[in-house]
Amino acid sequence: MIRVVLTDDHAIIRDGINSLLRDESGLEVVGEAGNGQQLLDFLETTPVDVVLLDLNMPIMDGFTTIGHLRRLYPHIKVLVLSMLDHERYVAQALEAGALGYTLKSTGRAELVYAITTVAAGQSFLCTAIGMALLRRLQSPEASVGEAPKTSSLSKRELEVLRLIAEGMTNAEIADKLFTSKRTIETHRQNIIEKTQAKNTAALIKFAASNGMLSE
């Protein structure tokens, strides 16, 4: 039996994954954590084989958590489950010590396969990332250090970025898009990470340089 712990700051994500894996033979979700520190506290008392780990979390993010896991629990396998699909994040997570990387858009069958693969000590990249890397290698103009472009942003992230560029606050954007301020804060953080912008001014410059500002 493969013992799995889910680590993500969004309870709805953890609930969804729990539902997906609940009836899967050979897998057992033995616990949940909302951030890296909670995970480390949990591991002090509970044996685990695979950590399913988000990267963008408060208090202790995924990258920092991987480092602690490699030092304190080298036998535990780490499978990243993230919305961040750019190769820079994939490479950073794998270099830190993660054995696998999959996206939150991954289907149930592939997620189960990913967990069993890393539990066996084998590396795993989800199909979407693998195909993206293949297309990038086939593109003659691609360069290893190239920064993410607008194509790396989701449709909702592009929408949020345009509203940020219009000078709207997180609360105003949340009201306009009929969602919570926390959700907008998460989108904003994802946009910053994907575009590598350091602040709001840099985000607006990014939007302008990519022709995203309304006339």
N, C-alpha and C. Protein backbone atom coordinates (compact mmCIF):
# COMPACT_ATOMS: atom_id res chain seq x y z
N MET A 1 0.84 -1.20 0.00
CA MET A 1 0.00 0.00 0.00
C MET A 1 0.88 1.25 0.00
N ILE A 2 0.64 2.15 -0.95
CA ILE A 2 1.40 3.40 -1.04
C ILE A 2 0.70 4.45 -0.19
N ARG A 3 1.41 4.96 0.82
CA ARG A 3 0.85 5.96 1.72
C ARG A 3 1.16 7.36 1.19
N VAL A 4 0.10 8.13 0.97
CA VAL A 4 0.22 9.44 0.33
C VAL A 4 -0.27 10.54 1.26
N VAL A 5 0.43 11.67 1.29
CA VAL A 5 -0.06 12.84 2.02
C VAL A 5 -0.22 13.98 1.02
N LEU A 6 -1.34 14.69 1.09
CA LEU A 6 -1.65 15.78 0.18
C LEU A 6 -1.24 17.10 0.82
N THR A 7 -0.48 17.92 0.09
CA THR A 7 -0.03 19.21 0.62
C THR A 7 -0.37 20.32 -0.35
N ASP A 8 -1.40 21.09 0.00
CA ASP A 8 -1.88 22.18 -0.84
C ASP A 8 -2.63 23.15 0.06
N ASP A 9 -2.47 24.46 -0.19
CA ASP A 9 -3.12 25.42 0.69
C ASP A 9 -4.59 25.62 0.41
N HIS A 10 -5.10 25.01 -0.65
CA HIS A 10 -6.53 25.12 -0.96
C HIS A 10 -7.24 23.83 -0.56
N ALA A 11 -8.14 23.93 0.41
CA ALA A 11 -8.86 22.76 0.90
C ALA A 11 -9.67 22.10 -0.20
N ILE A 12 -10.21 22.89 -1.12
CA ILE A 12 -11.04 22.32 -2.20
C ILE A 12 -10.21 21.44 -3.12
N ILE A 13 -8.93 21.79 -3.30
CA ILE A 13 -8.02 20.96 -4.11
C ILE A 13 -7.76 19.64 -3.39
N ARG A 14 -7.48 19.73 -2.09
CA ARG A 14 -7.22 18.51 -1.31
C ARG A 14 -8.45 17.61 -1.30
N ASP A 15 -9.62 18.21 -1.16
CA ASP A 15 -10.86 17.42 -1.16
C ASP A 15 -11.06 16.72 -2.49
N GLY A 16 -10.76 17.44 -3.58
CA GLY A 16 -10.93 16.86 -4.90
C GLY A 16 -9.99 15.69 -5.14
N ILE A 17 -8.73 15.84 -4.75
CA ILE A 17 -7.76 14.76 -4.92
C ILE A 17 -8.13 13.57 -4.04
N ASN A 18 -8.57 13.88 -2.83
CA ASN A 18 -9.01 12.82 -1.91
C ASN A 18 -10.12 11.99 -2.54
N SER A 19 -11.07 12.67 -3.18
CA SER A 19 -12.18 11.97 -3.82
C SER A 19 -11.69 11.11 -4.98
N LEU A 20 -10.71 11.63 -5.73
CA LEU A 20 -10.18 10.88 -6.86
C LEU A 20 -9.46 9.60 -6.42
N LEU A 21 -8.77 9.68 -5.30
CA LEU A 21 -7.94 8.56 -4.87
C LEU A 21 -8.60 7.64 -3.85
N ARG A 22 -9.76 8.02 -3.35
CA ARG A 22 -10.38 7.30 -2.23
C ARG A 22 -10.58 5.82 -2.52
N ASP A 23 -11.04 5.49 -3.72
CA ASP A 23 -11.35 4.10 -4.04
C ASP A 23 -10.26 3.41 -4.86
N GLU A 24 -9.10 4.04 -4.92
CA GLU A 24 -8.01 3.48 -5.71
C GLU A 24 -7.25 2.42 -4.90
N SER A 25 -7.28 1.19 -5.38
CA SER A 25 -6.59 0.12 -4.67
C SER A 25 -5.08 0.33 -4.76
N GLY A 26 -4.43 0.08 -3.67
CA GLY A 26 -2.98 0.23 -3.64
C GLY A 26 -2.52 1.58 -3.17
N LEU A 27 -3.46 2.55 -3.03
CA LEU A 27 -3.12 3.89 -2.56
C LEU A 27 -3.95 4.22 -1.32
N GLU A 28 -3.34 4.92 -0.39
CA GLU A 28 -4.06 5.37 0.80
C GLU A 28 -3.62 6.79 1.15
N VAL A 29 -4.56 7.71 1.17
CA VAL A 29 -4.27 9.07 1.60
C VAL A 29 -4.29 9.07 3.13
N VAL A 30 -3.11 9.24 3.73
CA VAL A 30 -3.00 9.12 5.18
C VAL A 30 -3.07 10.47 5.90
N GLY A 31 -3.09 11.57 5.11
CA GLY A 31 -3.19 12.87 5.75
C GLY A 31 -3.13 14.02 4.77
N GLU A 32 -3.33 15.24 5.30
CA GLU A 32 -3.31 16.45 4.49
C GLU A 32 -2.54 17.54 5.23
N ALA A 33 -2.03 18.49 4.46
CA ALA A 33 -1.35 19.65 5.04
C ALA A 33 -1.61 20.86 4.16
N GLY A 34 -1.69 22.04 4.80
CA GLY A 34 -1.98 23.26 4.06
C GLY A 34 -0.74 24.03 3.63
N ASN A 35 0.41 23.61 4.12
CA ASN A 35 1.68 24.25 3.74
C ASN A 35 2.83 23.34 4.15
N GLY A 36 4.05 23.75 3.79
CA GLY A 36 5.20 22.90 4.06
C GLY A 36 5.45 22.65 5.53
N GLN A 37 5.25 23.66 6.37
CA GLN A 37 5.49 23.48 7.79
C GLN A 37 4.51 22.49 8.39
N GLN A 38 3.25 22.57 8.01
CA GLN A 38 2.26 21.60 8.48
C GLN A 38 2.64 20.19 8.04
N LEU A 39 3.18 20.07 6.83
CA LEU A 39 3.60 18.77 6.33
C LEU A 39 4.73 18.20 7.19
N LEU A 40 5.74 19.02 7.48
CA LEU A 40 6.86 18.54 8.29
C LEU A 40 6.41 18.13 9.68
N ASP A 41 5.47 18.89 10.25
CA ASP A 41 4.91 18.53 11.56
C ASP A 41 4.19 17.19 11.49
N PHE A 42 3.45 16.99 10.40
CA PHE A 42 2.69 15.75 10.22
C PHE A 42 3.63 14.54 10.10
N LEU A 43 4.72 14.72 9.38
CA LEU A 43 5.64 13.61 9.11
C LEU A 43 6.38 13.14 10.36
N GLU A 44 6.38 13.94 11.41
CA GLU A 44 7.04 13.55 12.65
C GLU A 44 6.37 12.34 13.30
N THR A 45 5.09 12.14 13.00
CA THR A 45 4.34 11.07 13.67
C THR A 45 3.72 10.06 12.71
N THR A 46 3.76 10.34 11.40
CA THR A 46 3.06 9.47 10.45
C THR A 46 3.99 9.03 9.33
N PRO A 47 4.13 7.72 9.10
CA PRO A 47 4.96 7.23 7.98
C PRO A 47 4.28 7.50 6.64
N VAL A 48 5.05 7.97 5.68
CA VAL A 48 4.52 8.34 4.36
C VAL A 48 5.49 7.86 3.28
N ASP A 49 4.94 7.45 2.14
CA ASP A 49 5.76 7.03 1.01
C ASP A 49 5.91 8.12 -0.04
N VAL A 50 4.78 8.82 -0.33
CA VAL A 50 4.78 9.85 -1.38
C VAL A 50 4.11 11.11 -0.86
N VAL A 51 4.76 12.24 -1.09
CA VAL A 51 4.17 13.55 -0.79
C VAL A 51 3.71 14.17 -2.10
N LEU A 52 2.43 14.46 -2.20
CA LEU A 52 1.88 15.18 -3.34
C LEU A 52 1.91 16.65 -2.96
N LEU A 53 2.75 17.45 -3.63
CA LEU A 53 3.13 18.76 -3.12
C LEU A 53 2.86 19.90 -4.10
N ASP A 54 2.14 20.92 -3.63
CA ASP A 54 1.96 22.15 -4.39
C ASP A 54 3.21 23.00 -4.20
N LEU A 55 3.45 23.95 -5.11
CA LEU A 55 4.61 24.81 -5.00
C LEU A 55 4.27 26.17 -4.39
N ASN A 56 3.14 26.73 -4.78
CA ASN A 56 2.77 28.08 -4.34
C ASN A 56 1.91 28.01 -3.09
N MET A 57 2.58 28.07 -1.91
CA MET A 57 1.87 27.98 -0.64
C MET A 57 2.40 29.03 0.33
N PRO A 58 1.58 29.45 1.29
CA PRO A 58 2.05 30.41 2.31
C PRO A 58 2.91 29.71 3.35
N ILE A 59 3.57 30.52 4.18
CA ILE A 59 4.38 30.06 5.33
C ILE A 59 5.64 29.32 4.86
N MET A 60 5.47 28.21 4.17
CA MET A 60 6.61 27.49 3.59
C MET A 60 6.19 26.94 2.23
N ASP A 61 6.81 27.46 1.17
CA ASP A 61 6.41 27.05 -0.18
C ASP A 61 6.98 25.68 -0.54
N GLY A 62 6.61 25.21 -1.71
CA GLY A 62 7.01 23.88 -2.13
C GLY A 62 8.50 23.70 -2.32
N PHE A 63 9.15 24.69 -2.91
CA PHE A 63 10.59 24.58 -3.16
C PHE A 63 11.37 24.43 -1.85
N THR A 64 11.03 25.26 -0.87
CA THR A 64 11.69 25.17 0.43
C THR A 64 11.39 23.84 1.11
N THR A 65 10.14 23.41 0.97
CA THR A 65 9.72 22.15 1.59
C THR A 65 10.49 20.97 1.01
N ILE A 66 10.70 20.96 -0.30
CA ILE A 66 11.44 19.86 -0.93
C ILE A 66 12.84 19.75 -0.32
N GLY A 67 13.49 20.89 -0.10
CA GLY A 67 14.81 20.88 0.50
C GLY A 67 14.82 20.24 1.88
N HIS A 68 13.83 20.58 2.70
CA HIS A 68 13.73 19.99 4.03
C HIS A 68 13.44 18.50 3.95
N LEU A 69 12.59 18.10 3.00
CA LEU A 69 12.27 16.68 2.86
C LEU A 69 13.49 15.87 2.45
N ARG A 70 14.29 16.41 1.53
CA ARG A 70 15.50 15.71 1.10
C ARG A 70 16.46 15.51 2.28
N ARG A 71 16.51 16.47 3.18
CA ARG A 71 17.44 16.41 4.31
C ARG A 71 16.90 15.54 5.45
N LEU A 72 15.61 15.69 5.76
CA LEU A 72 15.04 15.00 6.91
C LEU A 72 14.42 13.64 6.59
N TYR A 73 13.84 13.53 5.40
CA TYR A 73 13.15 12.29 5.01
C TYR A 73 13.55 11.88 3.59
N PRO A 74 14.80 11.52 3.39
CA PRO A 74 15.28 11.21 2.03
C PRO A 74 14.58 10.02 1.38
N HIS A 75 13.93 9.19 2.18
CA HIS A 75 13.24 8.02 1.64
C HIS A 75 11.87 8.37 1.05
N ILE A 76 11.33 9.53 1.41
CA ILE A 76 10.01 9.93 0.92
C ILE A 76 10.14 10.50 -0.49
N LYS A 77 9.27 10.06 -1.38
CA LYS A 77 9.28 10.52 -2.76
C LYS A 77 8.36 11.73 -2.90
N VAL A 78 8.80 12.73 -3.67
CA VAL A 78 8.04 13.96 -3.84
C VAL A 78 7.50 14.05 -5.26
N LEU A 79 6.18 14.20 -5.37
CA LEU A 79 5.53 14.42 -6.66
C LEU A 79 4.88 15.81 -6.60
N VAL A 80 5.39 16.73 -7.39
CA VAL A 80 4.83 18.08 -7.42
C VAL A 80 3.52 18.07 -8.19
N LEU A 81 2.51 18.75 -7.65
CA LEU A 81 1.22 18.93 -8.32
C LEU A 81 0.94 20.42 -8.32
N SER A 82 1.09 21.06 -9.48
CA SER A 82 1.08 22.52 -9.53
C SER A 82 0.33 23.03 -10.76
N MET A 83 -0.02 24.32 -10.71
CA MET A 83 -0.57 25.00 -11.88
C MET A 83 0.55 25.59 -12.73
N LEU A 84 1.76 25.68 -12.17
CA LEU A 84 2.89 26.30 -12.86
C LEU A 84 3.45 25.34 -13.88
N ASP A 85 3.35 25.71 -15.16
CA ASP A 85 3.72 24.78 -16.21
C ASP A 85 4.98 25.17 -16.99
N HIS A 86 5.63 26.27 -16.59
CA HIS A 86 6.82 26.68 -17.33
C HIS A 86 8.01 25.81 -16.94
N GLU A 87 8.88 25.56 -17.91
CA GLU A 87 10.00 24.66 -17.69
C GLU A 87 10.93 25.12 -16.56
N ARG A 88 10.96 26.42 -16.31
CA ARG A 88 11.83 26.93 -15.24
C ARG A 88 11.43 26.35 -13.89
N TYR A 89 10.11 26.27 -13.64
CA TYR A 89 9.63 25.74 -12.37
C TYR A 89 9.82 24.22 -12.30
N VAL A 90 9.61 23.56 -13.44
CA VAL A 90 9.81 22.11 -13.50
C VAL A 90 11.26 21.79 -13.17
N ALA A 91 12.19 22.49 -13.84
CA ALA A 91 13.61 22.24 -13.62
C ALA A 91 14.01 22.55 -12.18
N GLN A 92 13.48 23.64 -11.64
CA GLN A 92 13.83 24.04 -10.27
C GLN A 92 13.36 22.99 -9.26
N ALA A 93 12.14 22.48 -9.47
CA ALA A 93 11.59 21.49 -8.55
C ALA A 93 12.38 20.18 -8.62
N LEU A 94 12.73 19.75 -9.83
CA LEU A 94 13.48 18.51 -9.99
C LEU A 94 14.89 18.65 -9.43
N GLU A 95 15.51 19.80 -9.64
CA GLU A 95 16.85 20.04 -9.11
C GLU A 95 16.83 20.06 -7.58
N ALA A 96 15.72 20.53 -7.01
CA ALA A 96 15.60 20.59 -5.55
C ALA A 96 15.46 19.20 -4.95
N GLY A 97 14.97 18.25 -5.75
CA GLY A 97 14.85 16.89 -5.26
C GLY A 97 13.53 16.19 -5.51
N ALA A 98 12.59 16.88 -6.17
CA ALA A 98 11.33 16.22 -6.53
C ALA A 98 11.60 15.13 -7.55
N LEU A 99 10.86 14.04 -7.46
CA LEU A 99 11.06 12.93 -8.39
C LEU A 99 10.10 13.01 -9.57
N GLY A 100 8.98 13.75 -9.38
CA GLY A 100 8.02 13.88 -10.45
C GLY A 100 7.35 15.23 -10.44
N TYR A 101 6.72 15.59 -11.57
CA TYR A 101 6.05 16.88 -11.70
C TYR A 101 4.83 16.68 -12.59
N THR A 102 3.67 17.06 -12.06
CA THR A 102 2.44 16.96 -12.84
C THR A 102 1.58 18.20 -12.59
N LEU A 103 0.70 18.47 -13.52
CA LEU A 103 -0.14 19.67 -13.44
C LEU A 103 -1.49 19.34 -12.79
N LYS A 104 -2.14 20.37 -12.26
CA LYS A 104 -3.44 20.16 -11.63
C LYS A 104 -4.54 19.86 -12.64
N SER A 105 -4.22 20.04 -13.91
CA SER A 105 -5.17 19.69 -14.97
C SER A 105 -5.06 18.22 -15.36
N THR A 106 -4.12 17.50 -14.76
CA THR A 106 -3.92 16.09 -15.05
C THR A 106 -5.14 15.26 -14.66
N GLY A 107 -5.47 14.27 -15.47
CA GLY A 107 -6.61 13.41 -15.18
C GLY A 107 -6.31 12.38 -14.11
N ARG A 108 -7.34 11.72 -13.63
CA ARG A 108 -7.21 10.76 -12.53
C ARG A 108 -6.26 9.62 -12.87
N ALA A 109 -6.41 9.02 -14.06
CA ALA A 109 -5.59 7.87 -14.42
C ALA A 109 -4.10 8.23 -14.45
N GLU A 110 -3.79 9.41 -15.03
CA GLU A 110 -2.39 9.80 -15.10
C GLU A 110 -1.85 10.16 -13.72
N LEU A 111 -2.69 10.75 -12.87
CA LEU A 111 -2.26 11.08 -11.52
C LEU A 111 -1.92 9.82 -10.73
N VAL A 112 -2.77 8.82 -10.83
CA VAL A 112 -2.52 7.55 -10.15
C VAL A 112 -1.23 6.92 -10.66
N TYR A 113 -1.04 6.96 -11.98
CA TYR A 113 0.17 6.41 -12.57
C TYR A 113 1.41 7.17 -12.08
N ALA A 114 1.28 8.50 -11.97
CA ALA A 114 2.39 9.33 -11.50
C ALA A 114 2.78 8.95 -10.07
N ILE A 115 1.79 8.77 -9.21
CA ILE A 115 2.06 8.43 -7.82
C ILE A 115 2.75 7.07 -7.72
N THR A 116 2.24 6.08 -8.43
CA THR A 116 2.84 4.75 -8.38
C THR A 116 4.24 4.74 -8.99
N THR A 117 4.45 5.58 -10.00
CA THR A 117 5.77 5.64 -10.64
C THR A 117 6.82 6.21 -9.70
N VAL A 118 6.52 7.35 -9.07
CA VAL A 118 7.51 7.94 -8.17
C VAL A 118 7.67 7.09 -6.91
N ALA A 119 6.61 6.42 -6.48
CA ALA A 119 6.71 5.55 -5.31
C ALA A 119 7.71 4.42 -5.57
N ALA A 120 7.82 4.03 -6.85
CA ALA A 120 8.76 2.98 -7.24
C ALA A 120 10.17 3.52 -7.46
N GLY A 121 10.34 4.84 -7.23
CA GLY A 121 11.66 5.43 -7.37
C GLY A 121 12.00 5.88 -8.77
N GLN A 122 11.00 5.99 -9.64
CA GLN A 122 11.22 6.40 -11.02
C GLN A 122 10.73 7.82 -11.25
N SER A 123 11.39 8.53 -12.15
CA SER A 123 11.02 9.91 -12.46
C SER A 123 9.74 9.94 -13.29
N PHE A 124 9.02 11.08 -13.15
CA PHE A 124 7.78 11.22 -13.92
C PHE A 124 7.54 12.67 -14.28
N LEU A 125 7.16 12.90 -15.54
CA LEU A 125 6.67 14.19 -16.01
C LEU A 125 5.34 13.94 -16.70
N CYS A 126 4.33 14.76 -16.39
CA CYS A 126 3.02 14.55 -17.00
C CYS A 126 3.08 14.80 -18.50
N THR A 127 2.12 14.27 -19.21
CA THR A 127 2.10 14.34 -20.67
C THR A 127 2.13 15.77 -21.17
N ALA A 128 1.36 16.66 -20.54
CA ALA A 128 1.29 18.05 -21.00
C ALA A 128 2.65 18.72 -20.95
N ILE A 129 3.39 18.50 -19.87
CA ILE A 129 4.71 19.11 -19.74
C ILE A 129 5.68 18.48 -20.72
N GLY A 130 5.61 17.17 -20.85
CA GLY A 130 6.50 16.48 -21.78
C GLY A 130 6.32 16.96 -23.20
N MET A 131 5.07 17.14 -23.63
CA MET A 131 4.81 17.60 -24.99
C MET A 131 5.26 19.05 -25.16
N ALA A 132 5.07 19.88 -24.14
CA ALA A 132 5.49 21.28 -24.21
C ALA A 132 7.00 21.37 -24.36
N LEU A 133 7.72 20.55 -23.59
CA LEU A 133 9.18 20.55 -23.68
C LEU A 133 9.64 20.05 -25.05
N LEU A 134 8.95 19.06 -25.58
CA LEU A 134 9.29 18.54 -26.90
C LEU A 134 9.10 19.60 -27.97
N ARG A 135 7.97 20.32 -27.91
CA ARG A 135 7.72 21.39 -28.89
C ARG A 135 8.77 22.48 -28.77
N ARG A 136 9.18 22.75 -27.53
CA ARG A 136 10.19 23.79 -27.31
C ARG A 136 11.53 23.39 -27.90
N LEU A 137 11.90 22.12 -27.74
CA LEU A 137 13.15 21.63 -28.29
C LEU A 137 13.14 21.65 -29.81
N GLN A 138 11.94 21.47 -30.39
CA GLN A 138 11.81 21.46 -31.85
C GLN A 138 11.77 22.85 -32.43
N SER A 139 11.61 23.88 -31.57
CA SER A 139 11.54 25.25 -32.05
C SER A 139 12.94 25.84 -32.12
N PRO A 140 13.43 26.21 -33.30
CA PRO A 140 14.79 26.70 -33.45
C PRO A 140 15.06 28.00 -32.74
N GLU A 141 14.02 28.81 -32.52
CA GLU A 141 14.24 30.11 -31.89
C GLU A 141 14.17 30.03 -30.38
N ALA A 142 13.84 28.85 -29.82
CA ALA A 142 13.73 28.71 -28.36
C ALA A 142 15.11 28.74 -27.72
N SER A 143 15.19 29.38 -26.59
CA SER A 143 16.44 29.42 -25.84
C SER A 143 16.18 28.99 -24.42
N VAL A 144 17.19 28.38 -23.78
CA VAL A 144 17.00 27.81 -22.46
C VAL A 144 16.59 28.85 -21.44
N GLY A 145 17.16 30.05 -21.52
CA GLY A 145 16.89 31.06 -20.52
C GLY A 145 15.74 31.98 -20.86
N GLU A 146 14.98 31.65 -21.86
CA GLU A 146 13.90 32.52 -22.29
C GLU A 146 12.84 32.67 -21.22
N ALA A 147 12.40 33.88 -20.97
CA ALA A 147 11.38 34.14 -19.95
C ALA A 147 10.01 33.72 -20.45
N PRO A 148 9.11 33.36 -19.56
CA PRO A 148 7.76 32.99 -19.95
C PRO A 148 7.04 34.13 -20.68
N LYS A 149 6.24 33.78 -21.65
CA LYS A 149 5.47 34.76 -22.40
C LYS A 149 4.00 34.68 -22.00
N THR A 150 3.20 35.48 -22.63
CA THR A 150 1.79 35.49 -22.26
C THR A 150 1.12 34.15 -22.50
N SER A 151 1.68 33.32 -23.39
CA SER A 151 1.09 32.01 -23.67
C SER A 151 1.16 31.09 -22.45
N SER A 152 2.05 31.41 -21.49
CA SER A 152 2.16 30.58 -20.29
C SER A 152 1.08 30.92 -19.27
N LEU A 153 0.37 32.02 -19.48
CA LEU A 153 -0.69 32.43 -18.56
C LEU A 153 -2.02 31.82 -18.99
N SER A 154 -2.82 31.44 -17.99
CA SER A 154 -4.15 30.92 -18.30
C SER A 154 -5.06 32.08 -18.74
N LYS A 155 -6.22 31.74 -19.28
CA LYS A 155 -7.17 32.76 -19.73
C LYS A 155 -7.57 33.68 -18.57
N ARG A 156 -7.82 33.10 -17.39
CA ARG A 156 -8.21 33.91 -16.25
C ARG A 156 -7.04 34.78 -15.77
N GLU A 157 -5.83 34.25 -15.82
CA GLU A 157 -4.66 35.04 -15.41
C GLU A 157 -4.44 36.22 -16.34
N LEU A 158 -4.67 36.02 -17.62
CA LEU A 158 -4.57 37.13 -18.58
C LEU A 158 -5.60 38.20 -18.26
N GLU A 159 -6.80 37.75 -17.90
CA GLU A 159 -7.88 38.67 -17.56
C GLU A 159 -7.52 39.48 -16.32
N VAL A 160 -6.99 38.79 -15.31
CA VAL A 160 -6.58 39.46 -14.07
C VAL A 160 -5.44 40.44 -14.35
N LEU A 161 -4.48 40.05 -15.19
CA LEU A 161 -3.36 40.91 -15.51
C LEU A 161 -3.83 42.19 -16.18
N ARG A 162 -4.78 42.10 -17.09
CA ARG A 162 -5.30 43.30 -17.75
C ARG A 162 -5.95 44.24 -16.74
N LEU A 163 -6.67 43.68 -15.79
CA LEU A 163 -7.34 44.50 -14.77
C LEU A 163 -6.32 45.13 -13.82
N ILE A 164 -5.26 44.40 -13.51
CA ILE A 164 -4.18 44.98 -12.70
C ILE A 164 -3.58 46.17 -13.43
N ALA A 165 -3.36 46.00 -14.74
CA ALA A 165 -2.78 47.06 -15.54
C ALA A 165 -3.69 48.28 -15.61
N GLU A 166 -4.99 48.08 -15.40
CA GLU A 166 -5.93 49.19 -15.39
C GLU A 166 -5.94 49.91 -14.05
N GLY A 167 -5.15 49.39 -13.09
CA GLY A 167 -5.04 50.05 -11.79
C GLY A 167 -6.01 49.56 -10.74
N MET A 168 -6.69 48.45 -11.01
CA MET A 168 -7.68 47.94 -10.05
C MET A 168 -6.99 47.18 -8.92
N THR A 169 -7.55 47.27 -7.72
CA THR A 169 -7.03 46.54 -6.57
C THR A 169 -7.52 45.09 -6.62
N ASN A 170 -6.95 44.24 -5.76
CA ASN A 170 -7.39 42.85 -5.71
C ASN A 170 -8.88 42.75 -5.38
N ALA A 171 -9.34 43.59 -4.43
CA ALA A 171 -10.74 43.56 -4.03
C ALA A 171 -11.65 43.98 -5.18
N GLU A 172 -11.23 45.01 -5.94
CA GLU A 172 -12.02 45.48 -7.07
C GLU A 172 -12.08 44.42 -8.17
N ILE A 173 -10.95 43.75 -8.39
CA ILE A 173 -10.92 42.70 -9.41
C ILE A 173 -11.81 41.54 -8.99
N ALA A 174 -11.77 41.19 -7.71
CA ALA A 174 -12.61 40.11 -7.20
C ALA A 174 -14.08 40.42 -7.41
N ASP A 175 -14.48 41.66 -7.14
CA ASP A 175 -15.88 42.06 -7.33
C ASP A 175 -16.26 41.98 -8.80
N LYS A 176 -15.38 42.43 -9.65
CA LYS A 176 -15.67 42.46 -11.10
C LYS A 176 -15.80 41.05 -11.68
N LEU A 177 -14.96 40.13 -11.17
CA LEU A 177 -14.95 38.77 -11.71
C LEU A 177 -15.80 37.81 -10.88
N PHE A 178 -16.51 38.36 -9.89
CA PHE A 178 -17.41 37.57 -9.04
C PHE A 178 -16.69 36.39 -8.38
N THR A 179 -15.56 36.68 -7.77
CA THR A 179 -14.80 35.65 -7.06
C THR A 179 -14.25 36.25 -5.78
N SER A 180 -13.47 35.50 -5.04
CA SER A 180 -12.96 35.98 -3.76
C SER A 180 -11.64 36.73 -3.92
N LYS A 181 -11.36 37.58 -2.94
CA LYS A 181 -10.09 38.32 -2.95
C LYS A 181 -8.92 37.35 -2.85
N ARG A 182 -9.09 36.26 -2.09
CA ARG A 182 -8.03 35.27 -1.94
C ARG A 182 -7.70 34.62 -3.29
N THR A 183 -8.73 34.35 -4.08
CA THR A 183 -8.50 33.75 -5.40
C THR A 183 -7.70 34.69 -6.29
N ILE A 184 -8.04 35.98 -6.25
CA ILE A 184 -7.32 36.97 -7.05
C ILE A 184 -5.87 37.09 -6.58
N GLU A 185 -5.67 37.03 -5.28
CA GLU A 185 -4.31 37.09 -4.74
C GLU A 185 -3.48 35.90 -5.24
N THR A 186 -4.12 34.73 -5.32
CA THR A 186 -3.43 33.55 -5.85
C THR A 186 -3.10 33.72 -7.32
N HIS A 187 -4.07 34.22 -8.10
CA HIS A 187 -3.82 34.48 -9.53
C HIS A 187 -2.67 35.47 -9.69
N ARG A 188 -2.70 36.51 -8.87
CA ARG A 188 -1.66 37.56 -8.96
C ARG A 188 -0.28 36.98 -8.68
N GLN A 189 -0.18 36.12 -7.67
CA GLN A 189 1.09 35.50 -7.34
C GLN A 189 1.56 34.59 -8.47
N ASN A 190 0.64 33.84 -9.05
CA ASN A 190 0.99 32.96 -10.17
C ASN A 190 1.48 33.78 -11.36
N ILE A 191 0.83 34.92 -11.62
CA ILE A 191 1.23 35.79 -12.72
C ILE A 191 2.64 36.33 -12.49
N ILE A 192 2.90 36.75 -11.26
CA ILE A 192 4.22 37.28 -10.92
C ILE A 192 5.29 36.22 -11.13
N GLU A 193 5.00 34.98 -10.70
CA GLU A 193 5.97 33.91 -10.84
C GLU A 193 6.20 33.54 -12.31
N LYS A 194 5.11 33.51 -13.08
CA LYS A 194 5.24 33.11 -14.49
C LYS A 194 5.92 34.19 -15.33
N THR A 195 5.65 35.45 -15.03
CA THR A 195 6.23 36.54 -15.82
C THR A 195 7.58 37.00 -15.27
N GLN A 196 7.90 36.55 -14.05
CA GLN A 196 9.13 36.95 -13.37
C GLN A 196 9.17 38.44 -13.07
N ALA A 197 8.00 39.06 -13.01
CA ALA A 197 7.91 40.48 -12.66
C ALA A 197 8.10 40.63 -11.15
N LYS A 198 8.79 41.69 -10.73
CA LYS A 198 9.11 41.86 -9.32
C LYS A 198 8.03 42.64 -8.56
N ASN A 199 7.23 43.43 -9.29
CA ASN A 199 6.23 44.25 -8.63
C ASN A 199 5.13 44.63 -9.62
N THR A 200 4.16 45.42 -9.15
CA THR A 200 3.04 45.80 -10.00
C THR A 200 3.49 46.60 -11.21
N ALA A 201 4.46 47.50 -11.00
CA ALA A 201 4.96 48.31 -12.11
C ALA A 201 5.54 47.42 -13.20
N ALA A 202 6.27 46.39 -12.79
CA ALA A 202 6.86 45.47 -13.75
C ALA A 202 5.78 44.68 -14.48
N LEU A 203 4.70 44.34 -13.74
CA LEU A 203 3.59 43.64 -14.38
C LEU A 203 2.93 44.50 -15.46
N ILE A 204 2.73 45.78 -15.14
CA ILE A 204 2.11 46.69 -16.10
C ILE A 204 3.02 46.86 -17.32
N LYS A 205 4.32 46.93 -17.09
CA LYS A 205 5.27 47.02 -18.20
C LYS A 205 5.20 45.77 -19.07
N PHE A 206 5.07 44.62 -18.43
CA PHE A 206 4.95 43.35 -19.15
C PHE A 206 3.69 43.37 -20.02
N ALA A 207 2.57 43.82 -19.42
CA ALA A 207 1.31 43.87 -20.16
C ALA A 207 1.41 44.81 -21.35
N ALA A 208 2.04 45.94 -21.13
CA ALA A 208 2.19 46.93 -22.21
C ALA A 208 3.06 46.41 -23.34
N SER A 209 4.18 45.76 -22.97
CA SER A 209 5.12 45.26 -23.98
C SER A 209 4.53 44.13 -24.80
N ASN A 210 3.51 43.47 -24.26
CA ASN A 210 2.88 42.38 -24.98
C ASN A 210 1.53 42.78 -25.59
N GLY A 211 1.30 44.10 -25.67
CA GLY A 211 0.11 44.61 -26.35
C GLY A 211 -1.19 44.26 -25.67
N MET A 212 -1.18 44.19 -24.32
CA MET A 212 -2.36 43.77 -23.60
C MET A 212 -3.17 44.91 -23.02
N LEU A 213 -2.67 46.11 -23.06
CA LEU A 213 -3.39 47.23 -22.48
C LEU A 213 -4.45 47.76 -23.43
N SER A 214 -5.60 48.11 -22.86
CA SER A 214 -6.69 48.66 -23.69
C SER A 214 -6.32 50.05 -24.14
N GLU A 215 -6.72 50.39 -25.32
CA GLU A 215 -6.45 51.72 -25.84
C GLU A 215 -7.38 52.74 -25.19
